[in-house]
Protein backbone atom coordinates (compact mmCIF):
# COMPACT_ATOMS: atom_id res chain seq x y z
CA MET A 1 153.61 97.65 78.79
CA LEU A 2 150.96 97.84 81.61
CA ARG A 3 148.61 94.86 82.15
CA LEU A 4 145.49 95.99 83.82
CA THR A 5 142.38 94.10 85.38
CA LEU A 6 139.29 96.26 85.53
CA ILE A 7 136.76 94.44 88.49
CA ARG A 8 133.46 95.66 89.09
CA HIS A 9 132.82 95.60 93.09
CA PHE A 10 130.94 92.57 94.45
CA ALA A 11 127.24 92.60 95.34
CA THR A 12 125.65 94.49 97.74
CA GLN A 13 121.90 94.35 99.09
CA GLY A 14 121.09 97.18 96.72
CA ASN A 15 122.45 95.77 93.51
CA LEU A 16 120.45 92.22 94.43
CA GLU A 17 117.53 94.44 94.47
CA LYS A 18 118.47 96.21 91.12
CA LYS A 19 118.83 99.77 92.44
CA TYR A 20 120.63 102.33 91.41
CA ILE A 21 123.52 102.69 93.87
CA GLY A 22 125.73 105.32 93.34
CA ILE A 23 126.75 107.57 96.28
CA THR A 24 124.94 105.22 98.94
CA ASP A 25 127.98 104.19 100.43
CA GLU A 26 126.98 100.55 101.11
CA PRO A 27 129.00 97.32 102.07
CA LEU A 28 129.04 94.12 100.61
CA CYS A 29 126.53 91.51 101.46
CA GLU A 30 126.99 87.95 102.39
CA GLU A 31 125.46 86.71 99.28
CA GLY A 32 127.38 89.05 97.18
CA LYS A 33 130.94 87.72 98.59
CA LEU A 34 130.35 84.33 97.34
CA ILE A 35 131.31 85.74 93.88
CA PHE A 36 134.62 85.60 94.56
CA GLN A 37 134.88 81.55 95.50
CA ASN A 38 133.95 80.99 91.61
CA ILE A 39 136.45 83.14 89.77
CA HIS A 40 140.00 83.34 89.26
CA TYR A 41 141.76 86.84 89.03
CA PRO A 42 145.49 87.56 87.84
CA GLU A 43 148.11 88.25 90.10
CA VAL A 44 149.00 91.96 90.44
CA GLU A 45 151.95 94.05 91.52
CA ALA A 46 149.27 97.03 92.83
CA VAL A 47 145.75 97.86 93.53
CA PHE A 48 143.76 100.85 92.83
CA ALA A 49 140.16 101.07 93.91
CA SER A 50 137.44 103.76 94.55
CA PRO A 51 137.15 104.98 98.26
CA MET A 52 133.62 103.46 98.69
CA ILE A 53 133.02 100.95 100.91
CA ARG A 54 132.22 98.10 98.39
CA CYS A 55 135.03 98.50 96.24
CA VAL A 56 137.57 98.71 99.22
CA GLU A 57 136.11 95.30 100.62
CA THR A 58 136.01 93.52 97.20
CA SER A 59 139.99 94.85 96.56
CA LYS A 60 140.69 93.26 100.33
CA LEU A 61 138.93 89.94 99.78
CA ILE A 62 140.87 89.70 95.91
CA TYR A 63 143.86 90.77 96.82
CA GLN A 64 145.14 90.09 100.01
CA GLY A 65 148.23 91.17 101.11
CA HIS A 66 147.82 94.81 99.03
CA ILE A 67 146.45 97.55 100.22
CA PRO A 68 144.57 99.79 97.75
CA VAL A 69 145.53 102.99 96.33
CA LEU A 70 141.88 105.10 96.68
CA TYR A 71 141.30 107.82 93.62
CA ASP A 72 138.09 109.73 94.70
CA GLY A 73 137.54 110.21 90.71
CA PHE A 74 136.82 106.35 90.83
CA ARG A 75 133.35 107.00 92.89
CA GLU A 76 130.36 105.76 91.16
CA CYS A 77 127.99 108.45 89.42
CA ASP A 78 125.74 110.36 91.61
CA PHE A 79 122.01 109.20 90.60
CA GLY A 80 120.03 112.02 92.37
CA ASP A 81 116.54 111.26 92.48
CA PHE A 82 116.94 107.62 91.12
CA GLU A 83 119.54 106.91 93.87
CA ASN A 84 118.75 103.80 96.14
CA LYS A 85 115.50 102.97 93.96
CA ASN A 86 114.65 100.32 91.18
CA TYR A 87 113.01 100.65 87.83
CA LYS A 88 109.57 99.56 89.37
CA GLU A 89 109.70 101.86 92.04
CA LEU A 90 110.78 104.75 89.25
CA SER A 91 108.69 103.30 86.24
CA SER A 92 105.57 105.65 87.03
CA TYR A 93 107.70 109.10 87.04
CA SER A 94 108.00 110.74 83.52
CA VAL A 95 111.35 111.89 84.32
CA TYR A 96 112.56 108.50 84.57
CA GLN A 97 110.97 107.25 81.38
CA ALA A 98 112.19 110.29 79.72
CA TRP A 99 115.50 109.23 81.24
CA VAL A 100 115.38 105.86 79.75
CA ASP A 101 113.91 107.10 76.31
CA SER A 102 117.20 109.40 76.10
CA GLY A 103 119.28 106.41 76.10
CA GLY A 104 120.65 107.24 79.35
CA THR A 105 122.10 110.69 78.14
CA LEU A 106 120.21 113.03 80.31
CA PRO A 107 121.61 114.25 83.35
CA PHE A 108 120.21 112.10 86.53
CA PRO A 109 117.71 114.84 88.07
CA ASN A 110 119.40 116.52 91.25
CA GLY A 111 122.49 114.51 90.43
CA GLU A 112 125.50 113.71 87.97
CA ASP A 113 125.26 114.80 84.16
CA ILE A 114 126.63 111.63 82.51
CA LEU A 115 129.43 113.47 80.48
CA HIS A 116 130.75 114.89 83.67
CA PHE A 117 130.83 111.19 85.37
CA LYS A 118 132.69 109.54 82.49
CA ASP A 119 135.38 112.77 82.41
CA ARG A 120 135.68 112.37 86.22
CA SER A 121 136.25 108.79 85.76
CA VAL A 122 138.77 109.10 82.94
CA ASN A 123 140.91 111.60 84.90
CA ALA A 124 141.07 109.56 88.00
CA PHE A 125 142.44 106.72 85.31
CA ASP A 126 144.71 109.00 83.81
CA ASP A 127 146.41 109.96 87.08
CA MET A 128 146.45 106.31 87.95
CA ILE A 129 147.96 105.30 84.78
CA ASP A 130 150.67 108.04 85.03
CA LEU A 131 151.66 106.76 88.28
CA CYS A 132 151.93 103.09 87.24
CA MET A 133 154.57 104.00 84.39
CA SER A 134 156.46 106.25 86.89
CA ARG A 135 156.77 103.49 89.27
CA GLY A 136 157.30 101.17 86.32
CA TYR A 137 154.29 98.51 87.00
CA GLU A 138 153.72 95.90 84.64
CA SER A 139 150.58 94.81 86.14
CA VAL A 140 147.64 96.44 88.21
CA GLY A 141 144.32 95.62 89.42
CA VAL A 142 141.39 98.29 89.43
CA VAL A 143 138.49 97.41 91.54
CA VAL A 144 135.64 99.94 91.00
CA HIS A 145 132.05 100.29 89.82
CA GLY A 146 130.09 99.36 86.48
CA GLY A 147 129.89 102.93 85.19
CA THR A 148 133.67 103.87 86.13
CA ILE A 149 134.91 100.38 84.00
CA MET A 150 132.44 101.79 81.18
CA SER A 151 133.62 105.35 81.00
CA ILE A 152 137.25 103.98 80.64
CA LEU A 153 136.43 101.41 78.22
CA ASP A 154 134.51 103.87 76.33
CA LYS A 155 137.07 106.08 76.31
CA TYR A 156 140.36 103.91 75.85
CA ALA A 157 139.33 100.59 74.24
CA TYR A 158 140.45 99.85 71.14
CA PRO A 159 138.74 98.74 68.91
CA ASN A 160 136.26 101.15 70.00
CA GLU A 161 132.70 100.14 71.21
CA SER A 162 129.89 101.95 72.78
CA TYR A 163 129.70 102.95 76.86
CA PHE A 164 126.72 100.47 77.41
CA TYR A 165 128.70 97.81 75.45
CA TRP A 166 131.24 97.68 78.67
CA GLN A 167 128.46 96.56 80.97
CA VAL A 168 129.50 94.28 83.75
CA GLY A 169 128.00 92.24 86.56
CA ASN A 170 129.37 92.17 90.12
CA GLY A 171 132.80 90.76 90.75
CA LEU A 172 133.51 90.49 86.75
CA GLY A 173 135.54 92.52 84.61
CA TYR A 174 138.07 92.71 82.05
CA THR A 175 141.61 92.26 81.52
CA ALA A 176 143.71 94.73 79.19
CA VAL A 177 146.85 96.14 78.37
CA MET A 178 148.28 99.55 77.43
CA LYS A 179 151.62 100.13 75.91
CA ALA A 180 153.96 103.05 77.32
CA ASP A 181 153.70 105.03 74.40
CA ASP A 182 149.86 104.84 73.91
CA ARG A 183 147.11 104.93 75.85
CA ARG A 184 145.07 102.60 74.17
CA LEU A 185 143.65 99.58 75.84
CA SER A 186 144.10 96.57 73.67
CA GLU A 187 143.81 92.62 73.92
CA ILE A 188 140.44 92.98 76.28
CA CYS A 189 139.33 89.95 77.50
CA THR A 190 136.72 89.28 79.78
CA ILE A 191 136.95 87.89 83.26
CA HIS A 192 134.88 84.87 84.13
């Protein structure tokens, strides 16, 4: 049995400004780092993360003494033309309204298709799980992006909920259990 702690990185300046921050490799902002002081995270044997600065910095703050194993497939979605803009800046664009009206199912203009992003995230997670099982880990931390967590739980959470159900704030996340003979994630609890 493997216990997983899935954590969304602490806030960047772009997060505080409610911007779509995907491929922009922003560091954490000072205000974002303060989240760390108010949350208790479970101890883990190993840490995995997205290679983006905000995730690496978050993992080093939470899990001091652990060097995160980086998975490129855990990178955030490429938001294309929406990148580094917030809803106020985008609200006058018809392509943005069409994307909103689609429930977020349309590809990001000049960016990544959501189905490709989900597959990429889940494939990286599968590779990570294989490594964890081969090494006999019992507890791991996974410091990634909100969309990455949503993709993983959309695929493996039991009972199943929709992709957007799993939205989580910066520094927050979920704990879950995966049995060796079953890829489902159960006993899912929120981190506060």
